[in-house]
Amino acid sequence: MVLMIIAVLIIVGLCLGSFVNALVWRVHEQARQGHEGKKKPDKAYSERLSISKGRSMCPHCKHELASKDLVPVLSWLALRGKCRYCHKPISIQYPLVELAAAALFVASYIWWPAVFTPTQTALFVLWLGLLTGLLALLVYDVRWLLLPDLILYPAGGLAAALAAVSIITADKPLVSLGSTVLAVLVGGGAFYLMFQISDGKWIGGGDAKLGFVLGLAAGTPARSFLFIFLASIAGSLVSLPLVATHRLKKTSLIPFGPFLIAGLIAVQLFGPDMFHWYRQTFINY
């Protein structure tokens, strides 16, 4: 049974990873179409970019892809990373994101921090939906240093649904509600203040919005503090060596969203173990 569930999660993860790639590219193309200045957008092309109705196409030649071109990972390997029609290289991002989604889905199942009761199963399904949105935000932020509202708001809706189920099914719903409100304030409040005080020079508005979304998913102020702490540590470990070796300038922009998202994923799956380790190490002597 477990192996069957893992197999299903791999397949679903690969498919949703493919969706993430398409979503990220389409949202960026839609934004680019809307910022072409005085040039009138191509209406037919804009319709092809529809997230709900548009068919998959090559990002270079815009040729509509056949079903055999859309098999996650395998199509990319079979075509040796090139478009079947224009023969231009297709970024390795595509299979990597698909594999990452599958790996995160399986990891979420294996390390889910609770027994799979009906309530926990519902939370798990909502988490996978949120995870898909977060992966899209991570990819977009890495590529273009932006966290678009078109992805952020649906992710926020899924985080709200996750929080709502947790609150409704809690032993003390009012206490859980208060804890969630504090988690949201901790998750996004500091970033919002930094954004306002610096007029967007210290941190982007998208990071503040993401902080609120992640706080909503975290559910408690302690978990919000923890994912911010982990994100800060990871960001420092990555950026400081790059600055020290002059691969990055001190004024270079580094996307912080991916670190925040990675921090929340770590807290969601391993938060109880982290808190237990902290109590055993620093509180109980």
C-alpha atoms as a PDB file:
ATOM      1  CA  MET A   1       0.000   0.000   0.000  1.00  0.00           C
ATOM      2  CA  VAL A   2       2.798   2.396   0.949  1.00  0.00           C
ATOM      3  CA  LEU A   3       4.669   1.689  -2.277  1.00  0.00           C
ATOM      4  CA  MET A   4       1.505   2.279  -4.282  1.00  0.00           C
ATOM      5  CA  ILE A   5       0.949   5.638  -2.567  1.00  0.00           C
ATOM      6  CA  ILE A   6       4.561   6.641  -3.226  1.00  0.00           C
ATOM      7  CA  ALA A   7       4.225   5.641  -6.892  1.00  0.00           C
ATOM      8  CA  VAL A   8       1.065   7.747  -7.225  1.00  0.00           C
ATOM      9  CA  LEU A   9       2.764  10.687  -5.525  1.00  0.00           C
ATOM     10  CA  ILE A  10       5.715  10.422  -7.914  1.00  0.00           C
ATOM     11  CA  ILE A  11       3.424  10.493 -10.947  1.00  0.00           C
ATOM     12  CA  VAL A  12       1.288  13.339  -9.564  1.00  0.00           C
ATOM     13  CA  GLY A  13       4.417  15.244  -8.521  1.00  0.00           C
ATOM     14  CA  LEU A  14       5.966  14.923 -11.985  1.00  0.00           C
ATOM     15  CA  CYS A  15       2.748  16.133 -13.623  1.00  0.00           C
ATOM     16  CA  LEU A  16       2.356  19.078 -11.250  1.00  0.00           C
ATOM     17  CA  GLY A  17       6.047  19.885 -11.681  1.00  0.00           C
ATOM     18  CA  SER A  18       5.363  20.124 -15.414  1.00  0.00           C
ATOM     19  CA  PHE A  19       2.413  22.386 -14.605  1.00  0.00           C
ATOM     20  CA  VAL A  20       4.703  24.584 -12.489  1.00  0.00           C
ATOM     21  CA  ASN A  21       7.063  25.042 -15.442  1.00  0.00           C
ATOM     22  CA  ALA A  22       4.192  25.999 -17.731  1.00  0.00           C
ATOM     23  CA  LEU A  23       2.627  28.286 -15.122  1.00  0.00           C
ATOM     24  CA  VAL A  24       5.846  30.168 -14.406  1.00  0.00           C
ATOM     25  CA  TRP A  25       6.592  30.743 -18.086  1.00  0.00           C
ATOM     26  CA  ARG A  26       3.034  31.801 -18.938  1.00  0.00           C
ATOM     27  CA  VAL A  27       2.763  34.237 -16.021  1.00  0.00           C
ATOM     28  CA  HIS A  28       6.059  35.823 -17.043  1.00  0.00           C
ATOM     29  CA  GLU A  29       5.026  36.019 -20.699  1.00  0.00           C
ATOM     30  CA  GLN A  30       1.703  37.595 -19.712  1.00  0.00           C
ATOM     31  CA  ALA A  31       3.550  40.188 -17.635  1.00  0.00           C
ATOM     32  CA  ARG A  32       5.947  40.864 -20.510  1.00  0.00           C
ATOM     33  CA  GLN A  33       3.023  41.306 -22.895  1.00  0.00           C
ATOM     34  CA  GLY A  34       1.533  43.847 -20.530  1.00  0.00           C
ATOM     35  CA  HIS A  35       4.742  45.899 -20.378  1.00  0.00           C
ATOM     36  CA  GLU A  36       5.520  46.320 -24.036  1.00  0.00           C
ATOM     37  CA  GLY A  37       4.951  50.050 -23.862  1.00  0.00           C
ATOM     38  CA  LYS A  38       2.990  51.511 -26.751  1.00  0.00           C
ATOM     39  CA  LYS A  39       3.175  48.325 -28.791  1.00  0.00           C
ATOM     40  CA  LYS A  40      -0.235  46.701 -28.958  1.00  0.00           C
ATOM     41  CA  PRO A  41      -0.166  43.166 -27.480  1.00  0.00           C
ATOM     42  CA  ASP A  42      -0.780  40.277 -29.857  1.00  0.00           C
ATOM     43  CA  LYS A  43      -4.332  39.241 -28.978  1.00  0.00           C
ATOM     44  CA  ALA A  44      -4.025  35.754 -30.479  1.00  0.00           C
ATOM     45  CA  TYR A  45      -0.756  35.140 -28.621  1.00  0.00           C
ATOM     46  CA  SER A  46      -2.274  36.465 -25.387  1.00  0.00           C
ATOM     47  CA  GLU A  47      -5.109  33.952 -25.716  1.00  0.00           C
ATOM     48  CA  ARG A  48      -2.591  31.148 -26.232  1.00  0.00           C
ATOM     49  CA  LEU A  49      -0.978  32.198 -22.939  1.00  0.00           C
ATOM     50  CA  SER A  50      -4.184  31.521 -20.996  1.00  0.00           C
ATOM     51  CA  ILE A  51      -3.355  29.381 -17.974  1.00  0.00           C
ATOM     52  CA  SER A  52      -6.670  27.522 -18.098  1.00  0.00           C
ATOM     53  CA  LYS A  53      -7.194  27.244 -21.870  1.00  0.00           C
ATOM     54  CA  GLY A  54      -3.804  27.650 -23.568  1.00  0.00           C
ATOM     55  CA  ARG A  55      -2.011  24.612 -24.992  1.00  0.00           C
ATOM     56  CA  SER A  56       1.627  23.876 -24.169  1.00  0.00           C
ATOM     57  CA  MET A  57       4.121  25.399 -26.603  1.00  0.00           C
ATOM     58  CA  CYS A  58       7.844  25.717 -27.163  1.00  0.00           C
ATOM     59  CA  PRO A  59       9.151  28.830 -25.351  1.00  0.00           C
ATOM     60  CA  HIS A  60      11.320  29.622 -28.399  1.00  0.00           C
ATOM     61  CA  CYS A  61       9.385  28.934 -31.600  1.00  0.00           C
ATOM     62  CA  LYS A  62       5.930  28.911 -29.913  1.00  0.00           C
ATOM     63  CA  HIS A  63       4.996  25.715 -31.781  1.00  0.00           C
ATOM     64  CA  GLU A  64       2.189  23.827 -30.048  1.00  0.00           C
ATOM     65  CA  LEU A  65       3.560  20.687 -28.442  1.00  0.00           C
ATOM     66  CA  ALA A  66       2.203  17.214 -29.132  1.00  0.00           C
ATOM     67  CA  SER A  67       1.294  14.779 -26.356  1.00  0.00           C
ATOM     68  CA  LYS A  68       4.543  12.875 -26.883  1.00  0.00           C
ATOM     69  CA  ASP A  69       6.452  16.074 -26.076  1.00  0.00           C
ATOM     70  CA  LEU A  70       4.749  16.512 -22.715  1.00  0.00           C
ATOM     71  CA  VAL A  71       5.767  13.395 -20.771  1.00  0.00           C
ATOM     72  CA  PRO A  72       7.586  14.753 -17.680  1.00  0.00           C
ATOM     73  CA  VAL A  73      11.362  14.214 -17.731  1.00  0.00           C
ATOM     74  CA  LEU A  74      11.200  11.423 -20.348  1.00  0.00           C
ATOM     75  CA  SER A  75      10.278  13.732 -23.240  1.00  0.00           C
ATOM     76  CA  TRP A  76      13.160  16.056 -22.362  1.00  0.00           C
ATOM     77  CA  LEU A  77      15.566  13.122 -22.240  1.00  0.00           C
ATOM     78  CA  ALA A  78      14.257  11.605 -25.479  1.00  0.00           C
ATOM     79  CA  LEU A  79      14.681  14.914 -27.287  1.00  0.00           C
ATOM     80  CA  ARG A  80      18.100  15.462 -25.664  1.00  0.00           C
ATOM     81  CA  GLY A  81      16.972  18.736 -24.207  1.00  0.00           C
ATOM     82  CA  LYS A  82      15.962  20.311 -27.515  1.00  0.00           C
ATOM     83  CA  CYS A  83      12.692  21.348 -29.124  1.00  0.00           C
ATOM     84  CA  ARG A  84      11.423  18.816 -31.664  1.00  0.00           C
ATOM     85  CA  TYR A  85      10.447  21.627 -34.041  1.00  0.00           C
ATOM     86  CA  CYS A  86      13.036  24.416 -33.847  1.00  0.00           C
ATOM     87  CA  HIS A  87      15.841  22.302 -32.285  1.00  0.00           C
ATOM     88  CA  LYS A  88      16.742  25.050 -29.833  1.00  0.00           C
ATOM     89  CA  PRO A  89      17.808  23.925 -26.351  1.00  0.00           C
ATOM     90  CA  ILE A  90      15.135  23.594 -23.671  1.00  0.00           C
ATOM     91  CA  SER A  91      16.421  24.580 -20.225  1.00  0.00           C
ATOM     92  CA  ILE A  92      17.332  21.818 -17.790  1.00  0.00           C
ATOM     93  CA  GLN A  93      15.040  23.696 -15.411  1.00  0.00           C
ATOM     94  CA  TYR A  94      12.119  21.718 -16.840  1.00  0.00           C
ATOM     95  CA  PRO A  95      13.120  18.189 -15.794  1.00  0.00           C
ATOM     96  CA  LEU A  96      14.727  19.449 -12.574  1.00  0.00           C
ATOM     97  CA  VAL A  97      11.508  21.148 -11.417  1.00  0.00           C
ATOM     98  CA  GLU A  98       9.483  18.064 -12.329  1.00  0.00           C
ATOM     99  CA  LEU A  99      11.824  15.829 -10.342  1.00  0.00           C
ATOM    100  CA  ALA A 100      11.890  18.294  -7.450  1.00  0.00           C
ATOM    101  CA  ALA A 101       8.091  18.306  -7.235  1.00  0.00           C
ATOM    102  CA  ALA A 102       7.979  14.503  -7.209  1.00  0.00           C
ATOM    103  CA  ALA A 103      10.714  14.353  -4.555  1.00  0.00           C
ATOM    104  CA  LEU A 104       8.948  16.916  -2.344  1.00  0.00           C
ATOM    105  CA  PHE A 105       5.644  15.061  -2.627  1.00  0.00           C
ATOM    106  CA  VAL A 106       7.234  11.775  -1.596  1.00  0.00           C
ATOM    107  CA  ALA A 107       9.273  13.426   1.179  1.00  0.00           C
ATOM    108  CA  SER A 108       6.108  15.068   2.513  1.00  0.00           C
ATOM    109  CA  TYR A 109       4.429  11.670   2.734  1.00  0.00           C
ATOM    110  CA  ILE A 110       7.383   9.887   4.307  1.00  0.00           C
ATOM    111  CA  TRP A 111       8.098  12.596   6.900  1.00  0.00           C
ATOM    112  CA  TRP A 112       4.564  13.839   7.498  1.00  0.00           C
ATOM    113  CA  PRO A 113       4.638  14.675  11.227  1.00  0.00           C
ATOM    114  CA  ALA A 114       1.319  13.037  12.170  1.00  0.00           C
ATOM    115  CA  VAL A 115      -0.676   9.839  11.718  1.00  0.00           C
ATOM    116  CA  PHE A 116      -2.850   9.888   8.591  1.00  0.00           C
ATOM    117  CA  THR A 117      -6.323  10.278  10.056  1.00  0.00           C
ATOM    118  CA  PRO A 118      -9.052  11.693   7.754  1.00  0.00           C
ATOM    119  CA  THR A 119      -8.239  15.196   9.017  1.00  0.00           C
ATOM    120  CA  GLN A 120      -4.513  14.739   8.474  1.00  0.00           C
ATOM    121  CA  THR A 121      -5.146  13.332   4.999  1.00  0.00           C
ATOM    122  CA  ALA A 122      -7.132  16.461   4.119  1.00  0.00           C
ATOM    123  CA  LEU A 123      -4.306  18.612   5.492  1.00  0.00           C
ATOM    124  CA  PHE A 124      -1.791  16.597   3.487  1.00  0.00           C
ATOM    125  CA  VAL A 125      -3.703  17.098   0.225  1.00  0.00           C
ATOM    126  CA  LEU A 126      -3.974  20.838   0.884  1.00  0.00           C
ATOM    127  CA  TRP A 127      -0.264  20.904   1.699  1.00  0.00           C
ATOM    128  CA  LEU A 128       0.586  19.300  -1.660  1.00  0.00           C
ATOM    129  CA  GLY A 129      -1.477  21.971  -3.411  1.00  0.00           C
ATOM    130  CA  LEU A 130       0.284  24.708  -1.449  1.00  0.00           C
ATOM    131  CA  LEU A 131       3.637  23.065  -2.120  1.00  0.00           C
ATOM    132  CA  THR A 132       2.953  23.262  -5.861  1.00  0.00           C
ATOM    133  CA  GLY A 133       2.261  26.984  -5.608  1.00  0.00           C
ATOM    134  CA  LEU A 134       5.340  27.559  -3.458  1.00  0.00           C
ATOM    135  CA  LEU A 135       7.516  25.708  -5.956  1.00  0.00           C
ATOM    136  CA  ALA A 136       6.189  27.968  -8.722  1.00  0.00           C
ATOM    137  CA  LEU A 137       7.012  31.039  -6.627  1.00  0.00           C
ATOM    138  CA  LEU A 138      10.486  29.692  -5.887  1.00  0.00           C
ATOM    139  CA  VAL A 139      11.261  29.119  -9.567  1.00  0.00           C
ATOM    140  CA  TYR A 140       9.869  32.514 -10.577  1.00  0.00           C
ATOM    141  CA  ASP A 141      11.849  34.336  -7.881  1.00  0.00           C
ATOM    142  CA  VAL A 142      15.092  32.578  -8.802  1.00  0.00           C
ATOM    143  CA  ARG A 143      14.673  33.447 -12.486  1.00  0.00           C
ATOM    144  CA  TRP A 144      13.249  36.968 -12.335  1.00  0.00           C
ATOM    145  CA  LEU A 145      13.606  38.185  -8.724  1.00  0.00           C
ATOM    146  CA  LEU A 146       9.840  38.640  -8.423  1.00  0.00           C
ATOM    147  CA  LEU A 147       6.965  36.986  -6.579  1.00  0.00           C
ATOM    148  CA  PRO A 148       3.918  37.628  -8.796  1.00  0.00           C
ATOM    149  CA  ASP A 149       0.503  38.173  -7.234  1.00  0.00           C
ATOM    150  CA  LEU A 150      -1.007  35.874  -9.855  1.00  0.00           C
ATOM    151  CA  ILE A 151       0.702  32.969  -8.077  1.00  0.00           C
ATOM    152  CA  LEU A 152       0.931  34.435  -4.575  1.00  0.00           C
ATOM    153  CA  TYR A 153      -2.808  34.944  -4.081  1.00  0.00           C
ATOM    154  CA  PRO A 154      -3.892  31.391  -5.019  1.00  0.00           C
ATOM    155  CA  ALA A 155      -1.100  30.084  -2.790  1.00  0.00           C
ATOM    156  CA  GLY A 156      -2.486  32.302  -0.035  1.00  0.00           C
ATOM    157  CA  GLY A 157      -5.928  30.793  -0.593  1.00  0.00           C
ATOM    158  CA  LEU A 158      -4.533  27.285  -0.167  1.00  0.00           C
ATOM    159  CA  ALA A 159      -2.640  28.367   2.962  1.00  0.00           C
ATOM    160  CA  ALA A 160      -5.892  29.830   4.327  1.00  0.00           C
ATOM    161  CA  ALA A 161      -7.715  26.556   3.632  1.00  0.00           C
ATOM    162  CA  LEU A 162      -4.925  24.656   5.377  1.00  0.00           C
ATOM    163  CA  ALA A 163      -5.184  26.974   8.376  1.00  0.00           C
ATOM    164  CA  ALA A 164      -8.983  26.771   8.432  1.00  0.00           C
ATOM    165  CA  VAL A 165      -9.006  22.965   8.594  1.00  0.00           C
ATOM    166  CA  SER A 166      -6.368  23.019  11.330  1.00  0.00           C
ATOM    167  CA  ILE A 167      -8.357  25.548  13.376  1.00  0.00           C
ATOM    168  CA  ILE A 168     -11.747  23.861  12.950  1.00  0.00           C
ATOM    169  CA  THR A 169     -10.420  20.428  13.924  1.00  0.00           C
ATOM    170  CA  ALA A 170      -8.274  21.656  16.838  1.00  0.00           C
ATOM    171  CA  ASP A 171      -9.168  20.732  20.426  1.00  0.00           C
ATOM    172  CA  LYS A 172      -9.354  24.452  21.242  1.00  0.00           C
ATOM    173  CA  PRO A 173     -10.338  26.281  18.024  1.00  0.00           C
ATOM    174  CA  LEU A 174     -10.189  29.779  19.523  1.00  0.00           C
ATOM    175  CA  VAL A 175      -6.681  29.177  20.875  1.00  0.00           C
ATOM    176  CA  SER A 176      -5.650  27.787  17.497  1.00  0.00           C
ATOM    177  CA  LEU A 177      -7.143  30.825  15.741  1.00  0.00           C
ATOM    178  CA  GLY A 178      -5.229  33.212  17.982  1.00  0.00           C
ATOM    179  CA  SER A 179      -2.040  31.262  17.416  1.00  0.00           C
ATOM    180  CA  THR A 180      -2.534  31.411  13.642  1.00  0.00           C
ATOM    181  CA  VAL A 181      -3.106  35.176  13.729  1.00  0.00           C
ATOM    182  CA  LEU A 182       0.147  35.620  15.662  1.00  0.00           C
ATOM    183  CA  ALA A 183       1.928  33.302  13.211  1.00  0.00           C
ATOM    184  CA  VAL A 184       0.802  35.493  10.302  1.00  0.00           C
ATOM    185  CA  LEU A 185       1.953  38.654  12.074  1.00  0.00           C
ATOM    186  CA  VAL A 186       5.331  37.113  12.849  1.00  0.00           C
ATOM    187  CA  GLY A 187       5.719  35.632   9.368  1.00  0.00           C
ATOM    188  CA  GLY A 188       5.020  38.789   7.413  1.00  0.00           C
ATOM    189  CA  GLY A 189       4.986  41.648   9.919  1.00  0.00           C
ATOM    190  CA  ALA A 190       8.743  42.199  10.147  1.00  0.00           C
ATOM    191  CA  PHE A 191       9.170  42.027   6.373  1.00  0.00           C
ATOM    192  CA  TYR A 192       6.283  44.449   5.853  1.00  0.00           C
ATOM    193  CA  LEU A 193       7.855  46.957   8.264  1.00  0.00           C
ATOM    194  CA  MET A 194      11.238  46.594   6.559  1.00  0.00           C
ATOM    195  CA  PHE A 195       9.600  47.147   3.178  1.00  0.00           C
ATOM    196  CA  GLN A 196       7.770  50.262   4.375  1.00  0.00           C
ATOM    197  CA  ILE A 197      10.727  51.792   6.238  1.00  0.00           C
ATOM    198  CA  SER A 198      13.221  51.220   3.413  1.00  0.00           C
ATOM    199  CA  ASP A 199      10.755  52.028   0.625  1.00  0.00           C
ATOM    200  CA  GLY A 200      11.468  48.616  -0.857  1.00  0.00           C
ATOM    201  CA  LYS A 201      15.281  48.918  -0.762  1.00  0.00           C
ATOM    202  CA  TRP A 202      15.901  46.298   1.952  1.00  0.00           C
ATOM    203  CA  ILE A 203      13.298  43.770   0.935  1.00  0.00           C
ATOM    204  CA  GLY A 204      10.656  43.480  -1.756  1.00  0.00           C
ATOM    205  CA  GLY A 205       6.930  43.771  -1.274  1.00  0.00           C
ATOM    206  CA  GLY A 206       6.532  40.259  -2.642  1.00  0.00           C
ATOM    207  CA  ASP A 207       8.670  38.890   0.196  1.00  0.00           C
ATOM    208  CA  ALA A 208       6.391  40.594   2.732  1.00  0.00           C
ATOM    209  CA  LYS A 209       3.288  39.076   1.100  1.00  0.00           C
ATOM    210  CA  LEU A 210       5.008  35.690   0.987  1.00  0.00           C
ATOM    211  CA  GLY A 211       5.844  36.006   4.677  1.00  0.00           C
ATOM    212  CA  PHE A 212       2.143  36.450   5.499  1.00  0.00           C
ATOM    213  CA  VAL A 213       1.239  33.410   3.363  1.00  0.00           C
ATOM    214  CA  LEU A 214       3.919  31.247   4.975  1.00  0.00           C
ATOM    215  CA  GLY A 215       2.914  32.426   8.444  1.00  0.00           C
ATOM    216  CA  LEU A 216      -0.640  31.362   7.677  1.00  0.00           C
ATOM    217  CA  ALA A 217       0.627  27.909   6.735  1.00  0.00           C
ATOM    218  CA  ALA A 218       2.975  27.704   9.735  1.00  0.00           C
ATOM    219  CA  GLY A 219       0.094  28.021  12.184  1.00  0.00           C
ATOM    220  CA  THR A 220       2.002  29.067  15.305  1.00  0.00           C
ATOM    221  CA  PRO A 221       4.319  32.012  16.080  1.00  0.00           C
ATOM    222  CA  ALA A 222       7.093  29.616  17.127  1.00  0.00           C
ATOM    223  CA  ARG A 223       6.981  27.869  13.754  1.00  0.00           C
ATOM    224  CA  SER A 224       7.000  31.253  11.997  1.00  0.00           C
ATOM    225  CA  PHE A 225      10.058  32.351  13.953  1.00  0.00           C
ATOM    226  CA  LEU A 226      11.723  29.067  13.092  1.00  0.00           C
ATOM    227  CA  PHE A 227      11.190  29.216   9.316  1.00  0.00           C
ATOM    228  CA  ILE A 228      12.460  32.824   9.251  1.00  0.00           C
ATOM    229  CA  PHE A 229      15.496  31.798  11.302  1.00  0.00           C
ATOM    230  CA  LEU A 230      16.249  28.858   9.003  1.00  0.00           C
ATOM    231  CA  ALA A 231      15.797  31.050   5.926  1.00  0.00           C
ATOM    232  CA  SER A 232      18.198  33.654   7.325  1.00  0.00           C
ATOM    233  CA  ILE A 233      20.820  31.046   8.147  1.00  0.00           C
ATOM    234  CA  ALA A 234      20.521  29.410   4.714  1.00  0.00           C
ATOM    235  CA  GLY A 235      20.605  32.769   2.946  1.00  0.00           C
ATOM    236  CA  SER A 236      23.758  33.766   4.814  1.00  0.00           C
ATOM    237  CA  LEU A 237      25.470  30.431   4.129  1.00  0.00           C
ATOM    238  CA  VAL A 238      24.810  30.847   0.412  1.00  0.00           C
ATOM    239  CA  SER A 239      25.410  34.568  -0.076  1.00  0.00           C
ATOM    240  CA  LEU A 240      28.370  35.306   2.197  1.00  0.00           C
ATOM    241  CA  PRO A 241      30.813  32.880   0.481  1.00  0.00           C
ATOM    242  CA  LEU A 242      29.729  34.253  -2.913  1.00  0.00           C
ATOM    243  CA  VAL A 243      30.411  37.804  -1.759  1.00  0.00           C
ATOM    244  CA  ALA A 244      33.710  36.783  -0.149  1.00  0.00           C
ATOM    245  CA  THR A 245      34.881  35.170  -3.412  1.00  0.00           C
ATOM    246  CA  HIS A 246      33.653  38.187  -5.424  1.00  0.00           C
ATOM    247  CA  ARG A 247      31.153  36.112  -7.367  1.00  0.00           C
ATOM    248  CA  LEU A 248      28.542  38.507  -6.045  1.00  0.00           C
ATOM    249  CA  LYS A 249      28.792  42.198  -5.265  1.00  0.00           C
ATOM    250  CA  LYS A 250      27.588  43.573  -1.962  1.00  0.00           C
ATOM    251  CA  THR A 251      24.928  45.447  -3.910  1.00  0.00           C
ATOM    252  CA  SER A 252      23.763  42.378  -5.862  1.00  0.00           C
ATOM    253  CA  LEU A 253      20.131  41.364  -5.481  1.00  0.00           C
ATOM    254  CA  ILE A 254      19.571  37.885  -4.065  1.00  0.00           C
ATOM    255  CA  PRO A 255      16.078  36.370  -4.024  1.00  0.00           C
ATOM    256  CA  PHE A 256      15.050  35.674  -0.430  1.00  0.00           C
ATOM    257  CA  GLY A 257      11.763  34.000  -1.294  1.00  0.00           C
ATOM    258  CA  PRO A 258      13.329  30.595  -2.052  1.00  0.00           C
ATOM    259  CA  PHE A 259      15.006  30.546   1.365  1.00  0.00           C
ATOM    260  CA  LEU A 260      11.735  31.408   3.109  1.00  0.00           C
ATOM    261  CA  ILE A 261       9.930  28.666   1.192  1.00  0.00           C
ATOM    262  CA  ALA A 262      12.654  26.125   1.983  1.00  0.00           C
ATOM    263  CA  GLY A 263      12.459  27.170   5.630  1.00  0.00           C
ATOM    264  CA  LEU A 264       8.720  26.559   5.780  1.00  0.00           C
ATOM    265  CA  ILE A 265       9.051  23.148   4.103  1.00  0.00           C
ATOM    266  CA  ALA A 266      11.686  22.165   6.676  1.00  0.00           C
ATOM    267  CA  VAL A 267       9.459  23.368   9.537  1.00  0.00           C
ATOM    268  CA  GLN A 268       6.387  21.610   8.149  1.00  0.00           C
ATOM    269  CA  LEU A 269       8.133  18.248   7.913  1.00  0.00           C
ATOM    270  CA  PHE A 270      10.718  18.411  10.693  1.00  0.00           C
ATOM    271  CA  GLY A 271       9.471  21.168  13.012  1.00  0.00           C
ATOM    272  CA  PRO A 272       8.409  18.846  15.858  1.00  0.00           C
ATOM    273  CA  ASP A 273      11.806  17.105  15.780  1.00  0.00           C
ATOM    274  CA  MET A 274      13.609  20.465  15.745  1.00  0.00           C
ATOM    275  CA  PHE A 275      11.659  21.751  18.734  1.00  0.00           C
ATOM    276  CA  HIS A 276      12.184  18.451  20.586  1.00  0.00           C
ATOM    277  CA  TRP A 277      15.951  18.612  19.926  1.00  0.00           C
ATOM    278  CA  TYR A 278      16.077  22.225  21.118  1.00  0.00           C
ATOM    279  CA  ARG A 279      14.242  21.426  24.356  1.00  0.00           C
ATOM    280  CA  GLN A 280      16.404  18.376  25.046  1.00  0.00           C
ATOM    281  CA  THR A 281      19.645  20.226  24.259  1.00  0.00           C
ATOM    282  CA  PHE A 282      19.152  23.663  25.777  1.00  0.00           C
ATOM    283  CA  ILE A 283      16.324  23.401  28.314  1.00  0.00           C
ATOM    284  CA  ASN A 284      16.547  19.926  29.928  1.00  0.00           C
ATOM    285  CA  TYR A 285      20.000  19.487  31.390  1.00  0.00           C
END
